[in-house]
Protein backbone atom coordinates (compact mmCIF):
# COMPACT_ATOMS: atom_id res chain seq x y z
CA MET A 1 -56.36 -51.00 -188.73
CA THR A 2 -54.19 -53.28 -190.80
CA ARG A 3 -52.29 -56.31 -189.52
CA VAL A 4 -48.94 -54.45 -190.01
CA SER A 5 -50.23 -51.52 -187.95
CA ARG A 6 -51.49 -53.79 -185.16
CA GLN A 7 -48.05 -55.51 -185.01
CA ARG A 8 -46.37 -52.17 -184.91
CA TRP A 9 -48.50 -50.78 -182.07
CA PHE A 10 -48.19 -54.05 -180.11
CA TRP A 11 -44.39 -53.96 -180.19
CA LEU A 12 -44.32 -50.28 -179.34
CA ALA A 13 -46.57 -50.98 -176.30
CA VAL A 14 -44.23 -53.85 -175.27
CA LEU A 15 -41.24 -51.56 -175.51
CA ALA A 16 -42.95 -48.83 -173.50
CA LEU A 17 -44.03 -51.24 -170.77
CA GLY A 18 -40.46 -52.70 -170.66
CA VAL A 19 -38.94 -49.23 -170.17
CA LEU A 20 -41.49 -48.29 -167.48
CA ALA A 21 -40.81 -51.60 -165.64
CA LEU A 22 -37.09 -51.07 -165.89
CA TYR A 23 -37.46 -47.49 -164.44
CA ALA A 24 -39.82 -48.68 -161.62
CA LEU A 25 -37.58 -51.60 -160.59
CA ARG A 26 -34.19 -49.92 -161.15
CA GLU A 27 -33.35 -50.11 -157.46
CA VAL A 28 -33.45 -53.92 -157.23
CA LEU A 29 -32.37 -54.94 -160.74
CA ALA A 30 -28.60 -54.49 -160.32
CA PRO A 31 -27.72 -58.08 -159.28
CA PHE A 32 -29.96 -59.48 -162.00
CA VAL A 33 -28.47 -57.36 -164.76
CA ALA A 34 -24.97 -58.06 -163.45
CA GLY A 35 -25.74 -61.78 -163.36
CA ALA A 36 -27.06 -61.69 -166.89
CA ALA A 37 -23.92 -59.78 -168.08
CA VAL A 38 -21.57 -62.34 -166.38
CA ALA A 39 -23.63 -65.22 -167.84
CA TYR A 40 -23.35 -63.66 -171.31
CA LEU A 41 -19.58 -63.33 -170.94
CA LEU A 42 -19.09 -66.88 -169.71
CA ASP A 43 -21.46 -68.66 -172.07
CA PRO A 44 -18.77 -69.37 -174.68
CA VAL A 45 -16.67 -71.06 -171.99
CA CYS A 46 -19.59 -73.29 -171.02
CA ASP A 47 -20.16 -74.09 -174.68
CA ARG A 48 -16.55 -75.22 -175.04
CA LEU A 49 -16.73 -77.47 -172.01
CA GLN A 50 -19.90 -78.98 -173.31
CA ARG A 51 -18.11 -79.83 -176.59
CA MET A 52 -15.41 -81.50 -174.49
CA GLY A 53 -18.04 -83.85 -173.02
CA LEU A 54 -19.38 -82.20 -169.84
CA SER A 55 -23.09 -81.80 -169.32
CA ARG A 56 -24.44 -78.25 -169.24
CA THR A 57 -25.07 -78.35 -165.50
CA TRP A 58 -21.52 -79.54 -164.79
CA ALA A 59 -20.06 -77.09 -167.23
CA THR A 60 -22.05 -74.24 -165.56
CA THR A 61 -21.02 -75.37 -162.06
CA VAL A 62 -17.29 -75.51 -163.03
CA VAL A 63 -17.35 -72.15 -164.77
CA THR A 64 -19.32 -70.33 -162.01
CA LEU A 65 -17.17 -71.72 -159.18
CA ALA A 66 -13.99 -70.82 -161.08
CA PHE A 67 -15.27 -67.32 -161.66
CA VAL A 68 -16.35 -66.85 -157.98
CA VAL A 69 -13.04 -68.16 -156.68
CA LEU A 70 -11.12 -65.91 -159.00
CA VAL A 71 -13.08 -62.82 -157.96
CA VAL A 72 -12.74 -63.69 -154.24
CA LEU A 73 -8.99 -64.23 -154.57
CA LEU A 74 -8.66 -60.92 -156.34
CA LEU A 75 -10.65 -59.15 -153.69
CA LEU A 76 -8.67 -60.77 -150.84
CA LEU A 77 -5.36 -59.74 -152.49
CA LEU A 78 -6.25 -56.28 -153.57
CA VAL A 79 -8.97 -54.93 -151.31
CA PRO A 80 -6.73 -54.61 -148.18
CA THR A 81 -4.05 -52.83 -150.13
CA LEU A 82 -6.52 -50.57 -151.86
CA TYR A 83 -8.28 -49.80 -148.60
CA HIS A 84 -4.96 -48.91 -146.95
CA GLN A 85 -3.99 -46.67 -149.79
CA LEU A 86 -7.36 -44.92 -149.89
CA VAL A 87 -7.29 -44.33 -146.11
CA SER A 88 -3.71 -43.05 -146.34
CA PHE A 89 -4.66 -40.79 -149.24
CA ILE A 90 -7.51 -39.28 -147.24
CA GLU A 91 -5.26 -38.79 -144.20
CA SER A 92 -2.53 -37.17 -146.31
CA LEU A 93 -4.92 -35.04 -148.32
CA PRO A 94 -4.26 -31.83 -146.27
CA ALA A 95 -0.44 -32.36 -146.72
CA ILE A 96 -0.96 -32.95 -150.46
CA ILE A 97 -2.95 -29.76 -150.71
CA GLU A 98 -0.26 -27.83 -148.77
CA ALA A 99 2.39 -29.30 -151.03
CA ILE A 100 0.43 -28.07 -154.05
CA ARG A 101 0.20 -24.64 -152.53
CA SER A 102 3.87 -24.54 -151.86
CA ARG A 103 4.64 -25.50 -155.47
CA VAL A 104 2.13 -23.04 -156.84
CA GLN A 105 3.26 -20.20 -154.56
CA PRO A 106 6.28 -19.14 -156.67
CA LEU A 107 4.01 -18.89 -159.67
CA ILE A 108 1.69 -16.67 -157.65
CA GLU A 109 4.61 -14.47 -156.63
CA ASP A 110 5.63 -14.12 -160.27
CA LEU A 111 2.03 -13.13 -161.13
CA ARG A 112 2.12 -10.65 -158.31
CA ASP A 113 5.18 -8.98 -159.79
CA ALA A 114 3.56 -8.93 -163.18
CA ALA A 115 0.10 -7.76 -162.16
CA GLY A 116 0.48 -6.38 -158.60
CA GLN A 117 -2.66 -8.24 -157.42
CA THR A 118 -1.18 -10.97 -155.28
CA GLY A 119 -3.97 -10.92 -152.73
CA GLN A 120 -6.67 -11.55 -155.25
CA ILE A 121 -4.68 -14.14 -157.07
CA ARG A 122 -3.80 -15.95 -153.88
CA GLN A 123 -7.37 -15.90 -152.71
CA ALA A 124 -8.57 -17.11 -156.11
CA ALA A 125 -6.08 -19.97 -156.07
CA GLY A 126 -7.00 -20.99 -152.53
CA ASP A 127 -10.73 -20.84 -153.41
CA PHE A 128 -10.09 -23.02 -156.50
CA VAL A 129 -8.24 -25.65 -154.51
CA GLY A 130 -10.87 -25.61 -151.78
CA ARG A 131 -13.72 -25.99 -154.26
CA ALA A 132 -11.93 -28.76 -156.11
CA VAL A 133 -11.39 -30.76 -152.82
CA ASN A 134 -14.97 -30.17 -151.68
CA TRP A 135 -16.28 -31.34 -155.08
CA ALA A 136 -14.23 -34.50 -154.99
CA LEU A 137 -15.35 -35.32 -151.45
CA GLN A 138 -18.99 -34.63 -152.32
CA ALA A 139 -18.73 -36.78 -155.44
CA LEU A 140 -17.21 -39.63 -153.42
CA GLY A 141 -19.93 -39.34 -150.77
CA GLY A 142 -22.65 -39.34 -153.44
CA LEU A 143 -21.20 -42.44 -155.08
CA ILE A 144 -21.11 -44.32 -151.72
CA SER A 145 -24.60 -43.24 -150.71
CA GLY A 146 -26.05 -43.77 -154.19
CA GLY A 147 -25.45 -46.67 -156.52
CA LEU A 148 -22.93 -48.35 -154.28
CA ALA A 149 -24.84 -48.36 -151.00
CA LEU A 150 -24.25 -51.18 -148.57
CA VAL A 151 -27.48 -53.01 -149.54
CA ASN A 152 -26.63 -52.94 -153.23
CA ILE A 153 -23.13 -54.17 -152.57
CA LEU A 154 -24.40 -57.08 -150.50
CA SER A 155 -26.98 -57.95 -153.14
CA LEU A 156 -24.39 -57.89 -155.87
CA ILE A 157 -22.09 -60.17 -153.78
CA PHE A 158 -24.66 -62.79 -152.81
CA ILE A 159 -27.37 -62.68 -155.46
CA THR A 160 -25.30 -62.21 -158.60
CA PRO A 161 -23.59 -65.62 -158.48
CA VAL A 162 -26.95 -67.32 -158.09
CA VAL A 163 -28.48 -65.45 -161.00
CA THR A 164 -25.36 -66.13 -163.08
CA PHE A 165 -25.54 -69.95 -162.39
CA TYR A 166 -29.18 -70.34 -163.36
CA LEU A 167 -29.02 -68.10 -166.40
CA LEU A 168 -25.84 -69.78 -167.63
CA ARG A 169 -27.29 -73.25 -167.18
CA ASP A 170 -30.49 -72.40 -169.06
CA TRP A 171 -28.98 -69.91 -171.54
CA ASP A 172 -29.55 -72.02 -174.66
CA ARG A 173 -33.10 -72.81 -173.66
CA VAL A 174 -33.87 -69.18 -172.95
CA VAL A 175 -32.53 -68.19 -176.36
CA ALA A 176 -34.48 -70.96 -178.06
CA HIS A 177 -37.67 -69.90 -176.28
CA ILE A 178 -37.29 -66.26 -177.24
CA ASP A 179 -36.64 -67.39 -180.84
CA SER A 180 -39.89 -69.34 -180.79
CA LEU A 181 -41.80 -66.22 -179.81
CA LEU A 182 -40.53 -64.09 -182.83
CA PRO A 183 -43.08 -63.03 -185.39
CA ARG A 184 -42.76 -65.70 -188.08
CA GLU A 185 -42.94 -63.21 -190.95
CA HIS A 186 -39.98 -61.23 -189.68
CA ALA A 187 -38.07 -63.96 -187.84
CA GLU A 188 -35.15 -64.14 -190.27
CA THR A 189 -34.64 -60.41 -190.31
CA ILE A 190 -34.75 -60.27 -186.45
CA ARG A 191 -32.30 -63.17 -186.19
CA GLU A 192 -29.90 -61.42 -188.55
CA GLN A 193 -30.05 -58.15 -186.55
CA ALA A 194 -29.65 -60.10 -183.23
CA ARG A 195 -26.52 -61.79 -184.74
CA LEU A 196 -25.08 -58.41 -185.56
CA VAL A 197 -25.90 -57.11 -182.06
CA ASN A 198 -24.21 -60.08 -180.48
CA GLU A 199 -21.15 -59.65 -182.73
CA THR A 200 -20.89 -55.95 -181.87
CA LEU A 201 -21.60 -56.50 -178.14
CA ALA A 202 -19.20 -59.48 -177.72
CA GLY A 203 -16.44 -57.80 -179.62
CA PHE A 204 -16.63 -54.60 -177.61
CA VAL A 205 -17.37 -55.96 -174.06
CA ARG A 206 -15.01 -58.91 -174.12
CA GLY A 207 -12.30 -57.05 -175.98
CA GLN A 208 -12.61 -53.91 -173.93
CA ALA A 209 -12.60 -55.88 -170.68
CA THR A 210 -9.37 -57.51 -171.73
CA VAL A 211 -7.90 -54.12 -172.58
CA CYS A 212 -8.97 -52.75 -169.17
CA LEU A 213 -7.44 -55.77 -167.37
CA LEU A 214 -4.06 -55.34 -169.14
CA LEU A 215 -3.96 -51.60 -168.79
CA GLY A 216 -4.91 -51.66 -165.10
CA THR A 217 -2.20 -54.27 -164.39
CA PHE A 218 0.41 -52.35 -166.31
CA TYR A 219 -0.44 -48.96 -164.73
CA ALA A 220 -0.61 -50.40 -161.24
CA VAL A 221 2.68 -52.32 -161.45
CA ALA A 222 4.54 -49.51 -163.32
CA LEU A 223 3.39 -46.71 -160.95
CA SER A 224 4.24 -48.89 -157.88
CA LEU A 225 7.73 -49.62 -159.24
CA ALA A 226 8.16 -45.93 -159.97
CA GLY A 227 7.69 -45.33 -156.26
CA LEU A 228 4.51 -43.24 -156.57
CA ASN A 229 2.35 -43.15 -153.44
CA PHE A 230 -1.11 -44.72 -154.10
CA GLY A 231 0.23 -46.01 -157.43
CA LEU A 232 -1.64 -49.30 -157.07
CA ALA A 233 -4.99 -47.65 -156.48
CA ILE A 234 -4.52 -45.07 -159.24
CA GLY A 235 -3.39 -47.66 -161.74
CA LEU A 236 -6.33 -50.04 -161.09
CA ILE A 237 -8.91 -47.24 -161.14
CA ALA A 238 -7.36 -45.96 -164.41
CA GLY A 239 -7.65 -49.43 -165.90
CA ILE A 240 -11.22 -49.89 -164.87
CA LEU A 241 -12.23 -46.44 -166.17
CA SER A 242 -10.56 -47.28 -169.53
CA PHE A 243 -13.89 -49.03 -170.33
CA ILE A 244 -15.07 -45.48 -170.98
CA PRO A 245 -12.98 -44.26 -173.95
CA PHE A 246 -10.20 -41.86 -172.93
CA VAL A 247 -11.60 -41.35 -169.41
CA GLY A 248 -9.27 -43.90 -167.78
CA THR A 249 -6.14 -42.44 -169.32
CA ILE A 250 -7.10 -38.80 -168.51
CA PHE A 251 -7.92 -39.64 -164.90
CA GLY A 252 -4.78 -41.72 -164.35
CA PHE A 253 -2.58 -39.12 -166.02
CA LEU A 254 -3.91 -36.18 -164.01
CA ALA A 255 -3.99 -38.02 -160.68
CA SER A 256 -0.58 -39.65 -160.99
CA THR A 257 1.10 -36.53 -162.40
CA GLY A 258 -0.41 -34.32 -159.65
CA LEU A 259 0.78 -36.71 -156.95
CA ALA A 260 4.25 -37.04 -158.52
CA PHE A 261 4.52 -33.26 -158.69
CA THR A 262 3.94 -33.06 -154.92
CA GLN A 263 5.91 -36.18 -153.92
CA PHE A 264 9.06 -35.96 -155.97
CA GLU A 265 11.66 -33.20 -156.12
CA GLU A 266 13.51 -34.76 -159.05
CA TRP A 267 12.08 -33.88 -162.43
CA HIS A 268 13.21 -37.17 -163.99
CA ARG A 269 11.01 -39.09 -161.55
CA ILE A 270 8.01 -36.98 -162.58
CA ALA A 271 8.93 -37.55 -166.19
CA ILE A 272 8.89 -41.40 -165.59
CA VAL A 273 5.32 -41.16 -164.27
CA VAL A 274 4.25 -39.09 -167.24
CA GLY A 275 6.06 -41.47 -169.60
CA ILE A 276 4.13 -44.48 -168.11
CA PHE A 277 0.84 -43.06 -169.29
CA PHE A 278 2.17 -41.96 -172.64
CA PHE A 279 3.51 -45.47 -173.20
CA GLY A 280 0.29 -47.05 -172.03
CA GLN A 281 -1.78 -44.88 -174.32
CA PHE A 282 0.53 -45.65 -177.21
CA VAL A 283 0.23 -49.41 -176.68
CA GLU A 284 -3.54 -49.24 -176.21
CA GLY A 285 -4.15 -47.21 -179.34
CA ASN A 286 -1.80 -49.07 -181.58
CA PHE A 287 -1.83 -52.61 -180.46
CA LEU A 288 -4.37 -53.59 -177.67
CA THR A 289 -7.55 -51.93 -179.05
CA PRO A 290 -7.04 -52.80 -182.73
CA LYS A 291 -6.20 -56.41 -181.91
CA LEU A 292 -8.66 -57.14 -179.10
CA VAL A 293 -11.60 -54.88 -180.01
CA GLY A 294 -11.08 -54.15 -183.70
CA ASP A 295 -12.89 -52.00 -186.23
CA ARG A 296 -15.74 -54.48 -186.73
CA VAL A 297 -17.30 -53.40 -183.40
CA ARG A 298 -18.50 -50.06 -184.90
CA LEU A 299 -19.29 -48.40 -181.58
CA HIS A 300 -18.05 -44.88 -181.73
CA PRO A 301 -16.33 -43.67 -178.51
CA VAL A 302 -18.61 -40.61 -178.30
CA TRP A 303 -21.68 -42.84 -178.54
CA VAL A 304 -20.35 -45.13 -175.77
CA ILE A 305 -19.65 -42.11 -173.46
CA PHE A 306 -23.10 -40.64 -174.14
CA ALA A 307 -24.74 -44.04 -173.55
CA LEU A 308 -22.93 -44.47 -170.20
CA LEU A 309 -23.78 -40.96 -168.99
CA ALA A 310 -27.39 -41.16 -170.14
CA GLY A 311 -27.92 -44.65 -168.66
CA GLY A 312 -26.45 -43.59 -165.35
CA ALA A 313 -28.54 -40.43 -165.20
CA LEU A 314 -31.81 -42.18 -166.04
CA PHE A 315 -31.47 -45.52 -164.25
CA GLY A 316 -28.46 -45.27 -161.95
CA PHE A 317 -26.13 -48.22 -161.62
CA VAL A 318 -28.48 -50.50 -163.60
CA GLY A 319 -28.36 -47.92 -166.45
CA VAL A 320 -24.57 -48.08 -166.51
CA LEU A 321 -24.71 -51.87 -166.77
CA LEU A 322 -27.29 -51.69 -169.62
CA ALA A 323 -25.74 -48.69 -171.41
CA VAL A 324 -23.36 -50.54 -173.75
CA PRO A 325 -25.89 -53.36 -174.70
CA VAL A 326 -28.53 -50.76 -175.49
CA ALA A 327 -26.00 -48.68 -177.39
CA ALA A 328 -25.09 -51.75 -179.46
CA VAL A 329 -28.74 -52.51 -180.21
CA ILE A 330 -29.54 -48.94 -181.18
CA GLY A 331 -26.42 -48.81 -183.39
CA VAL A 332 -27.35 -52.00 -185.28
CA LEU A 333 -31.02 -51.00 -185.70
CA ALA A 334 -30.01 -47.52 -186.83
CA ARG A 335 -27.68 -48.98 -189.53
CA PHE A 336 -30.44 -51.39 -190.57
CA ALA A 337 -32.99 -48.49 -190.79
CA ILE A 338 -30.51 -46.42 -192.86
CA SER A 339 -29.94 -49.30 -195.20
CA ARG A 340 -33.68 -49.76 -195.72
CA TYR A 341 -34.05 -46.00 -196.23
CA THR A 342 -31.29 -45.73 -198.82
CA ALA A 343 -32.91 -48.60 -200.72
CA SER A 344 -36.42 -46.97 -200.64
CA PRO A 345 -38.05 -44.40 -202.93
CA LEU A 346 -37.88 -41.92 -200.01
CA TYR A 347 -34.16 -41.71 -200.63
CA ALA A 348 -33.79 -42.28 -204.37
CA GLY A 349 -36.89 -40.36 -205.29
CA THR A 350 -39.64 -41.52 -207.76
CA THR A 351 -39.44 -40.23 -211.33
CA LEU A 352 -42.48 -39.45 -213.42
CA SER A 353 -41.74 -42.36 -215.73
CA GLU A 354 -41.66 -44.82 -212.82
CA ILE A 355 -45.32 -43.98 -211.98
CA GLY A 356 -46.47 -44.45 -215.60
CA PHE A 357 -46.63 -40.75 -216.68
CA ARG A 358 -45.88 -39.98 -220.30
CA PRO A 359 -45.75 -36.48 -221.71
CA ARG A 360 -48.51 -35.71 -224.20
CA ARG A 361 -47.35 -35.37 -227.81
CA GLU A 362 -48.38 -32.37 -229.82
CA SER A 363 -50.73 -33.03 -232.79
CA GLY A 364 -48.17 -31.68 -235.28
CA ASP A 365 -45.42 -34.14 -234.24
């Protein structure tokens, strides 16, 4: 076995062991992955404070405390209101369903006149609404009993800040140590690909997080001012889900429009709710995403959606946290492999003259 083959098998074995360890420990990794993600996002702030004269420890302490205080303040301000709106929504769910039935009933009557099968249509409509409500409640129960169980929430609250502090303090040393372990022959190539991964990941995560924050704030404020019940909760959830391309807008539009349809009698108030999401989507697509995320990120929305779904299915909440970084790494490595392939004889082909073959001349020539 050649040296190149040994290296290849060694790194494949390391990758396989890493994936197996990730799968085996997926239940306890959430605070550590979350802490690493927060440290990655806050590292540029620490670097800037260091350039201003603070030591790394003091810069890490200031940044971590500011982050924790900001999160706590947001939770104290938003959680009570969100809890109240969610409880009120669950309590008023039967009334909402009845309102939907009353609005849909005229359509059913029209269909009866057209087809003469009102009993079947009415039963089908009732069954559909019942199945939709049961599916939503089951999904909510699965979410609570699964990745967001009480133990996981407590570990995220208390362990994540500790992990963030220590990783943030030692970030440069960790990166330097990893760099020292790179195979010397391929170190420059690996550093270049790591730089591209960092550029892609930072551009997407930091840019998309800013987009989600702005959209969530806009939707929550606009829907609340429009007088929509549960507008704050719907707006914030729509903003958070905007991290998944198109999902946040679709969820917010359907949920808010459905509630507006049952709450308001005036069509112009329903149109205002619809207009809020059209305006938000227009601003996001034409201003926020191009300016804050940009085309250089090169993470296709379909690829991001697939990565999030696949990560959640395979590794749960940890898989969701790791989905975008892994997608960025795979995207950069795939582009690197394609560039090497297009520059190789496998793509261009090898002509006979390139391998030294010359046609034999006839004796009469």
